[in-house]
């Protein structure tokens, strides 16, 4: 598995409830650009339109050796998911105020581009501070354990 891009801000700004692996419909130049590792998921999110799931605001740089038929960097990309999973996800997003956030993009064993998305709920600043404090305490305890 070759990881192309990760969204580290997602774990800081959201608490992830569930994770799903979905496929992505891409153009040829987008796949070639992903093989070069040129993708950014920081401001991206997923949204349901007409019963289909789309990745919005994800940036995949144009292919360096492309011609006039190169792709648009921030176009909406359709995500491929089983219908029953999509219905369940859509119901949770509608009624409970969750959002769908991309976590990482990678090539699986059969060289297909996959996207890991998470059903997320936004954190408040107090929650973020608490997580940072817990991470610092864990780091200090690990350091003391190694020194003993």
N, C-alpha and C. Protein backbone atom coordinates (compact mmCIF):
# COMPACT_ATOMS: atom_id res chain seq x y z
N UNK A 1 0.85 -1.18 0.00
CA UNK A 1 0.00 0.00 0.00
C UNK A 1 0.89 1.24 0.00
N UNK A 2 0.71 2.11 -0.99
CA UNK A 2 1.50 3.33 -1.11
C UNK A 2 0.62 4.52 -0.77
N UNK A 3 0.91 5.21 0.31
CA UNK A 3 0.12 6.37 0.73
C UNK A 3 0.55 7.58 -0.09
N UNK A 4 -0.44 8.24 -0.69
CA UNK A 4 -0.18 9.41 -1.52
C UNK A 4 -0.28 10.68 -0.68
N UNK A 5 -1.38 10.79 0.09
CA UNK A 5 -1.61 12.00 0.86
C UNK A 5 -2.41 11.67 2.11
N UNK A 6 -2.13 12.38 3.19
CA UNK A 6 -2.91 12.23 4.42
C UNK A 6 -3.42 13.59 4.86
N UNK A 7 -4.49 13.58 5.61
CA UNK A 7 -5.10 14.81 6.10
C UNK A 7 -4.91 14.82 7.62
N UNK A 8 -3.78 15.36 8.06
CA UNK A 8 -3.49 15.35 9.49
C UNK A 8 -4.34 16.37 10.25
N UNK A 9 -4.80 17.41 9.56
CA UNK A 9 -5.66 18.40 10.21
C UNK A 9 -7.00 17.80 10.61
N UNK A 10 -7.43 16.75 9.92
CA UNK A 10 -8.72 16.14 10.21
C UNK A 10 -8.74 15.56 11.62
N UNK A 11 -7.65 14.93 12.04
CA UNK A 11 -7.60 14.34 13.37
C UNK A 11 -7.51 15.42 14.45
N UNK A 12 -7.01 16.59 14.09
CA UNK A 12 -6.93 17.69 15.06
C UNK A 12 -8.26 18.41 15.19
N UNK A 13 -8.96 18.63 14.09
CA UNK A 13 -10.18 19.43 14.10
C UNK A 13 -11.45 18.61 14.33
N UNK A 14 -11.39 17.30 14.13
CA UNK A 14 -12.58 16.46 14.23
C UNK A 14 -12.29 15.23 15.08
N UNK A 15 -13.34 14.71 15.69
CA UNK A 15 -13.24 13.38 16.31
C UNK A 15 -13.89 12.40 15.33
N UNK A 16 -13.14 11.39 14.93
CA UNK A 16 -13.57 10.46 13.90
C UNK A 16 -14.36 9.33 14.55
N UNK A 17 -15.60 9.13 14.11
CA UNK A 17 -16.47 8.09 14.66
C UNK A 17 -16.32 6.77 13.90
N UNK A 18 -16.42 6.81 12.58
CA UNK A 18 -16.34 5.61 11.74
C UNK A 18 -15.44 5.91 10.54
N UNK A 19 -14.83 4.84 10.00
CA UNK A 19 -13.99 4.99 8.82
C UNK A 19 -14.51 4.08 7.72
N UNK A 20 -14.41 4.56 6.47
CA UNK A 20 -14.83 3.80 5.29
C UNK A 20 -13.73 3.88 4.24
N UNK A 21 -13.61 2.82 3.45
CA UNK A 21 -12.71 2.84 2.30
C UNK A 21 -13.57 2.93 1.05
N UNK A 22 -13.32 3.96 0.23
CA UNK A 22 -14.12 4.17 -0.98
C UNK A 22 -13.19 4.30 -2.18
N UNK A 23 -13.73 4.02 -3.34
CA UNK A 23 -13.00 4.22 -4.59
C UNK A 23 -13.22 5.64 -5.09
N UNK A 24 -12.37 6.06 -6.01
CA UNK A 24 -12.46 7.42 -6.57
C UNK A 24 -12.43 7.30 -8.09
N UNK A 25 -13.34 8.02 -8.77
CA UNK A 25 -13.29 8.06 -10.23
C UNK A 25 -12.35 9.19 -10.63
N UNK A 26 -11.30 8.83 -11.36
CA UNK A 26 -10.27 9.80 -11.73
C UNK A 26 -10.00 9.74 -13.22
N UNK A 27 -9.43 10.81 -13.73
CA UNK A 27 -8.94 10.84 -15.11
C UNK A 27 -7.52 10.29 -15.14
N UNK A 28 -7.03 9.98 -16.33
CA UNK A 28 -5.70 9.39 -16.47
C UNK A 28 -4.59 10.29 -15.97
N UNK A 29 -4.68 11.59 -16.25
CA UNK A 29 -3.63 12.50 -15.81
C UNK A 29 -3.66 12.68 -14.29
N UNK A 30 -4.83 12.52 -13.69
CA UNK A 30 -4.91 12.61 -12.22
C UNK A 30 -4.19 11.43 -11.58
N UNK A 31 -4.35 10.24 -12.13
CA UNK A 31 -3.67 9.06 -11.59
C UNK A 31 -2.16 9.22 -11.73
N UNK A 32 -1.70 9.72 -12.87
CA UNK A 32 -0.26 9.92 -13.08
C UNK A 32 0.29 10.96 -12.11
N UNK A 33 -0.48 11.99 -11.84
CA UNK A 33 -0.06 13.00 -10.89
C UNK A 33 -0.02 12.43 -9.47
N UNK A 34 -0.98 11.55 -9.15
CA UNK A 34 -0.98 10.92 -7.83
C UNK A 34 0.22 10.00 -7.66
N UNK A 35 0.65 9.35 -8.73
CA UNK A 35 1.85 8.50 -8.64
C UNK A 35 3.09 9.33 -8.32
N UNK A 36 3.08 10.60 -8.72
CA UNK A 36 4.17 11.51 -8.35
C UNK A 36 4.00 12.06 -6.94
N UNK A 37 2.85 11.79 -6.30
CA UNK A 37 2.61 12.22 -4.93
C UNK A 37 2.13 13.65 -4.79
N UNK A 38 1.46 14.17 -5.81
CA UNK A 38 1.04 15.57 -5.80
C UNK A 38 -0.45 15.68 -5.52
N UNK A 39 -0.83 15.55 -4.25
CA UNK A 39 -2.22 15.70 -3.84
C UNK A 39 -2.28 16.38 -2.49
N UNK A 40 -3.37 17.09 -2.25
CA UNK A 40 -3.56 17.80 -0.99
C UNK A 40 -5.01 17.63 -0.55
N UNK A 41 -5.23 17.09 0.64
CA UNK A 41 -6.58 16.84 1.16
C UNK A 41 -6.94 17.75 2.33
N UNK A 42 -6.14 18.77 2.63
CA UNK A 42 -6.34 19.54 3.85
C UNK A 42 -7.69 20.23 3.95
N UNK A 43 -8.17 20.86 2.91
CA UNK A 43 -9.45 21.57 2.99
C UNK A 43 -10.59 20.80 2.35
N UNK A 44 -10.39 19.55 2.06
CA UNK A 44 -11.39 18.76 1.33
C UNK A 44 -12.46 18.21 2.28
N UNK A 45 -13.62 17.92 1.69
CA UNK A 45 -14.71 17.27 2.40
C UNK A 45 -15.55 16.52 1.38
N UNK A 46 -16.42 15.65 1.87
CA UNK A 46 -17.29 14.88 0.98
C UNK A 46 -18.72 15.34 1.17
N UNK A 47 -19.48 15.32 0.08
CA UNK A 47 -20.85 15.83 0.12
C UNK A 47 -21.73 14.96 -0.77
N UNK A 48 -22.97 14.77 -0.35
CA UNK A 48 -23.92 13.95 -1.11
C UNK A 48 -24.72 14.87 -2.03
N UNK A 49 -24.69 14.55 -3.34
CA UNK A 49 -25.49 15.27 -4.34
C UNK A 49 -26.25 14.24 -5.15
N UNK A 50 -27.56 14.38 -5.22
CA UNK A 50 -28.41 13.50 -6.03
C UNK A 50 -28.18 12.01 -5.72
N UNK A 51 -28.00 11.67 -4.46
CA UNK A 51 -27.82 10.29 -4.07
C UNK A 51 -26.44 9.73 -4.35
N UNK A 52 -25.47 10.57 -4.71
CA UNK A 52 -24.11 10.14 -4.97
C UNK A 52 -23.16 10.95 -4.09
N UNK A 53 -22.04 10.36 -3.73
CA UNK A 53 -21.06 10.99 -2.86
C UNK A 53 -19.95 11.60 -3.71
N UNK A 54 -19.60 12.87 -3.44
CA UNK A 54 -18.56 13.57 -4.19
C UNK A 54 -17.51 14.12 -3.25
N UNK A 55 -16.26 14.08 -3.69
CA UNK A 55 -15.15 14.69 -2.97
C UNK A 55 -15.00 16.12 -3.49
N UNK A 56 -15.11 17.08 -2.60
CA UNK A 56 -15.10 18.49 -2.97
C UNK A 56 -13.84 19.15 -2.41
N UNK A 57 -13.23 20.00 -3.22
CA UNK A 57 -12.12 20.86 -2.81
C UNK A 57 -10.82 20.12 -2.54
N UNK A 58 -10.67 18.92 -3.07
CA UNK A 58 -9.39 18.21 -2.98
C UNK A 58 -8.52 18.67 -4.15
N UNK A 59 -7.27 18.96 -3.87
CA UNK A 59 -6.38 19.49 -4.91
C UNK A 59 -5.43 18.40 -5.38
N UNK A 60 -5.53 18.06 -6.67
CA UNK A 60 -4.57 17.16 -7.32
C UNK A 60 -3.89 17.99 -8.41
N UNK A 61 -2.61 18.20 -8.26
CA UNK A 61 -1.86 19.07 -9.18
C UNK A 61 -1.91 18.53 -10.60
N UNK A 62 -1.89 19.42 -11.61
CA UNK A 62 -1.85 18.95 -13.00
C UNK A 62 -0.59 18.14 -13.26
N UNK A 63 -0.73 17.16 -14.14
CA UNK A 63 0.39 16.28 -14.48
C UNK A 63 1.48 17.08 -15.18
N UNK A 64 2.73 16.90 -14.76
CA UNK A 64 3.83 17.71 -15.28
C UNK A 64 4.08 17.49 -16.77
N UNK A 65 3.85 16.29 -17.27
CA UNK A 65 4.07 16.00 -18.69
C UNK A 65 2.77 16.01 -19.48
N UNK A 66 1.72 16.59 -18.91
CA UNK A 66 0.42 16.61 -19.59
C UNK A 66 0.38 17.65 -20.69
N UNK A 67 -0.67 17.54 -21.52
CA UNK A 67 -0.84 18.48 -22.62
C UNK A 67 -2.09 19.33 -22.36
N UNK A 68 -2.74 19.81 -23.41
CA UNK A 68 -3.90 20.67 -23.23
C UNK A 68 -5.09 19.92 -22.65
N UNK A 69 -5.06 18.60 -22.65
CA UNK A 69 -6.14 17.81 -22.08
C UNK A 69 -5.93 17.49 -20.60
N UNK A 70 -5.07 18.24 -19.93
CA UNK A 70 -4.81 18.03 -18.51
C UNK A 70 -6.06 18.34 -17.70
N UNK A 71 -6.15 17.82 -16.50
CA UNK A 71 -7.35 17.96 -15.66
C UNK A 71 -7.34 19.28 -14.88
N UNK A 72 -8.52 19.64 -14.37
CA UNK A 72 -8.65 20.80 -13.51
C UNK A 72 -8.29 20.38 -12.08
N UNK A 73 -7.44 21.14 -11.38
CA UNK A 73 -6.93 20.68 -10.07
C UNK A 73 -7.99 20.48 -8.99
N UNK A 74 -9.00 21.34 -8.89
CA UNK A 74 -9.95 21.26 -7.78
C UNK A 74 -11.35 20.84 -8.20
N UNK A 75 -11.46 19.99 -9.19
CA UNK A 75 -12.79 19.58 -9.63
C UNK A 75 -13.40 18.60 -8.64
N UNK A 76 -14.74 18.47 -8.67
CA UNK A 76 -15.43 17.50 -7.82
C UNK A 76 -15.21 16.10 -8.39
N UNK A 77 -14.89 15.15 -7.51
CA UNK A 77 -14.64 13.78 -7.94
C UNK A 77 -15.64 12.84 -7.28
N UNK A 78 -16.22 11.96 -8.09
CA UNK A 78 -17.22 11.04 -7.58
C UNK A 78 -16.56 9.93 -6.77
N UNK A 79 -17.15 9.62 -5.61
CA UNK A 79 -16.64 8.55 -4.77
C UNK A 79 -17.54 7.33 -4.93
N UNK A 80 -16.94 6.15 -4.98
CA UNK A 80 -17.65 4.91 -5.22
C UNK A 80 -17.81 4.16 -3.90
N UNK A 81 -19.08 3.89 -3.56
CA UNK A 81 -19.39 3.29 -2.27
C UNK A 81 -20.63 2.43 -2.44
N UNK A 82 -20.77 1.39 -1.64
CA UNK A 82 -21.97 0.58 -1.70
C UNK A 82 -23.19 1.41 -1.30
N UNK A 83 -24.31 1.15 -1.94
CA UNK A 83 -25.50 1.96 -1.73
C UNK A 83 -26.00 1.92 -0.30
N UNK A 84 -25.97 0.74 0.35
CA UNK A 84 -26.46 0.67 1.72
C UNK A 84 -25.55 1.43 2.68
N UNK A 85 -24.24 1.43 2.43
CA UNK A 85 -23.32 2.23 3.24
C UNK A 85 -23.59 3.71 3.03
N UNK A 86 -23.83 4.09 1.78
CA UNK A 86 -24.08 5.49 1.46
C UNK A 86 -25.36 5.99 2.12
N UNK A 87 -26.41 5.17 2.11
CA UNK A 87 -27.67 5.56 2.76
C UNK A 87 -27.48 5.74 4.26
N UNK A 88 -26.74 4.83 4.87
CA UNK A 88 -26.50 4.91 6.31
C UNK A 88 -25.68 6.16 6.65
N UNK A 89 -24.67 6.43 5.84
CA UNK A 89 -23.83 7.59 6.03
C UNK A 89 -24.63 8.88 5.86
N UNK A 90 -25.46 8.92 4.83
CA UNK A 90 -26.26 10.11 4.55
C UNK A 90 -27.26 10.37 5.69
N UNK A 91 -27.85 9.32 6.24
CA UNK A 91 -28.80 9.48 7.34
C UNK A 91 -28.12 10.07 8.57
N UNK A 92 -26.92 9.62 8.87
CA UNK A 92 -26.19 10.15 10.03
C UNK A 92 -25.79 11.60 9.82
N UNK A 93 -25.37 11.92 8.60
CA UNK A 93 -24.97 13.31 8.31
C UNK A 93 -26.17 14.23 8.42
N UNK A 94 -27.32 13.78 7.93
CA UNK A 94 -28.52 14.63 7.94
C UNK A 94 -29.05 14.87 9.34
N UNK A 95 -29.21 13.81 10.13
CA UNK A 95 -29.93 13.98 11.39
C UNK A 95 -29.05 14.39 12.56
N UNK A 96 -27.78 14.01 12.59
CA UNK A 96 -26.98 14.24 13.78
C UNK A 96 -25.94 15.34 13.64
N UNK A 97 -25.80 15.92 12.47
CA UNK A 97 -24.83 17.01 12.32
C UNK A 97 -23.40 16.55 12.14
N UNK A 98 -23.20 15.36 11.64
CA UNK A 98 -21.86 14.89 11.34
C UNK A 98 -21.42 15.45 9.98
N UNK A 99 -20.13 15.30 9.69
CA UNK A 99 -19.60 15.65 8.39
C UNK A 99 -18.70 14.51 7.91
N UNK A 100 -18.47 14.45 6.61
CA UNK A 100 -17.64 13.40 6.04
C UNK A 100 -16.32 14.03 5.58
N UNK A 101 -15.21 13.54 6.15
CA UNK A 101 -13.90 14.14 5.92
C UNK A 101 -12.95 13.08 5.34
N UNK A 102 -12.19 13.42 4.29
CA UNK A 102 -11.19 12.47 3.78
C UNK A 102 -10.00 12.41 4.73
N UNK A 103 -9.53 11.21 5.00
CA UNK A 103 -8.41 11.03 5.93
C UNK A 103 -7.11 10.73 5.20
N UNK A 104 -7.16 9.85 4.20
CA UNK A 104 -5.94 9.56 3.44
C UNK A 104 -6.31 9.03 2.07
N UNK A 105 -5.38 9.21 1.12
CA UNK A 105 -5.53 8.70 -0.24
C UNK A 105 -4.32 7.83 -0.52
N UNK A 106 -4.59 6.64 -1.09
CA UNK A 106 -3.50 5.69 -1.29
C UNK A 106 -3.80 4.76 -2.45
N UNK A 107 -2.76 4.06 -2.91
CA UNK A 107 -2.89 2.99 -3.90
C UNK A 107 -2.94 1.68 -3.13
N UNK A 108 -3.96 0.84 -3.43
CA UNK A 108 -4.03 -0.44 -2.73
C UNK A 108 -3.14 -1.47 -3.42
N UNK A 109 -3.28 -2.73 -3.04
CA UNK A 109 -2.41 -3.79 -3.57
C UNK A 109 -2.55 -3.98 -5.07
N UNK A 110 -3.74 -3.70 -5.61
CA UNK A 110 -3.96 -3.90 -7.04
C UNK A 110 -3.84 -2.60 -7.83
N UNK A 111 -3.11 -1.63 -7.29
CA UNK A 111 -2.84 -0.34 -7.93
C UNK A 111 -4.10 0.44 -8.25
N UNK A 112 -5.11 0.35 -7.40
CA UNK A 112 -6.31 1.17 -7.52
C UNK A 112 -6.22 2.29 -6.48
N UNK A 113 -6.68 3.47 -6.86
CA UNK A 113 -6.66 4.60 -5.94
C UNK A 113 -7.85 4.47 -5.00
N UNK A 114 -7.58 4.48 -3.72
CA UNK A 114 -8.62 4.39 -2.69
C UNK A 114 -8.51 5.60 -1.79
N UNK A 115 -9.64 5.95 -1.19
CA UNK A 115 -9.71 7.09 -0.28
C UNK A 115 -10.32 6.60 1.02
N UNK A 116 -9.69 6.91 2.12
CA UNK A 116 -10.27 6.58 3.42
C UNK A 116 -11.00 7.82 3.92
N UNK A 117 -12.31 7.67 4.13
CA UNK A 117 -13.10 8.80 4.63
C UNK A 117 -13.57 8.46 6.03
N UNK A 118 -13.85 9.49 6.79
CA UNK A 118 -14.31 9.29 8.16
C UNK A 118 -15.55 10.10 8.44
N UNK A 119 -16.46 9.49 9.19
CA UNK A 119 -17.64 10.19 9.69
C UNK A 119 -17.18 10.93 10.94
N UNK A 120 -17.22 12.25 10.89
CA UNK A 120 -16.56 13.05 11.92
C UNK A 120 -17.50 14.07 12.54
N UNK A 121 -17.21 14.40 13.77
CA UNK A 121 -17.92 15.45 14.48
C UNK A 121 -16.89 16.48 14.91
N UNK A 122 -17.19 17.76 14.74
CA UNK A 122 -16.23 18.82 15.03
C UNK A 122 -15.88 18.91 16.50
N UNK A 123 -14.61 19.21 16.79
CA UNK A 123 -14.15 19.39 18.16
C UNK A 123 -14.24 20.87 18.54
N UNK A 124 -14.45 21.11 19.81
CA UNK A 124 -14.38 22.47 20.32
C UNK A 124 -12.93 22.75 20.71
N UNK A 125 -12.63 24.01 21.03
CA UNK A 125 -11.25 24.35 21.41
C UNK A 125 -10.86 23.67 22.72
N UNK A 126 -11.82 23.45 23.61
CA UNK A 126 -11.52 22.77 24.87
C UNK A 126 -11.09 21.33 24.60
N UNK A 127 -11.80 20.66 23.70
CA UNK A 127 -11.44 19.28 23.34
C UNK A 127 -10.05 19.23 22.71
N UNK A 128 -9.74 20.20 21.85
CA UNK A 128 -8.43 20.23 21.20
C UNK A 128 -7.33 20.41 22.24
N UNK A 129 -7.55 21.31 23.21
CA UNK A 129 -6.56 21.53 24.26
C UNK A 129 -6.36 20.28 25.10
N UNK A 130 -7.46 19.58 25.39
CA UNK A 130 -7.38 18.36 26.18
C UNK A 130 -6.57 17.29 25.45
N UNK A 131 -6.77 17.15 24.14
CA UNK A 131 -6.03 16.17 23.35
C UNK A 131 -4.54 16.51 23.31
N UNK A 132 -4.21 17.79 23.15
CA UNK A 132 -2.81 18.21 23.13
C UNK A 132 -2.15 17.93 24.48
N UNK A 133 -2.87 18.19 25.57
CA UNK A 133 -2.34 17.94 26.90
C UNK A 133 -2.10 16.45 27.12
N UNK A 134 -3.03 15.61 26.69
CA UNK A 134 -2.88 14.16 26.85
C UNK A 134 -1.69 13.66 26.02
N UNK A 135 -1.52 14.18 24.82
CA UNK A 135 -0.40 13.78 23.96
C UNK A 135 0.95 14.17 24.60
N UNK A 136 1.01 15.39 25.18
CA UNK A 136 2.24 15.83 25.84
C UNK A 136 2.56 14.96 27.05
N UNK A 137 1.56 14.63 27.84
CA UNK A 137 1.78 13.77 29.02
C UNK A 137 2.26 12.38 28.60
N UNK A 138 1.69 11.86 27.54
CA UNK A 138 2.12 10.54 27.05
C UNK A 138 3.57 10.58 26.57
N UNK A 139 3.94 11.64 25.89
CA UNK A 139 5.31 11.79 25.40
C UNK A 139 6.29 11.87 26.58
N UNK A 140 5.93 12.62 27.63
CA UNK A 140 6.79 12.76 28.81
C UNK A 140 6.93 11.41 29.51
N UNK A 141 5.82 10.69 29.67
CA UNK A 141 5.87 9.38 30.33
C UNK A 141 6.70 8.38 29.54
N UNK A 142 6.58 8.39 28.22
CA UNK A 142 7.38 7.49 27.39
C UNK A 142 8.87 7.83 27.51
N UNK A 143 9.19 9.10 27.55
CA UNK A 143 10.58 9.52 27.66
C UNK A 143 11.17 9.09 29.00
N UNK A 144 10.39 9.26 30.09
CA UNK A 144 10.86 8.84 31.41
C UNK A 144 11.01 7.33 31.48
N UNK A 145 10.13 6.61 30.83
CA UNK A 145 10.23 5.15 30.83
C UNK A 145 11.47 4.66 30.11
N UNK A 146 11.86 5.34 29.05
CA UNK A 146 13.07 4.95 28.32
C UNK A 146 14.33 5.25 29.12
N UNK A 147 14.31 6.34 29.89
CA UNK A 147 15.49 6.73 30.64
C UNK A 147 15.75 5.81 31.83
N UNK A 148 14.71 5.14 32.33
CA UNK A 148 14.89 4.27 33.50
C UNK A 148 15.52 3.02 33.12
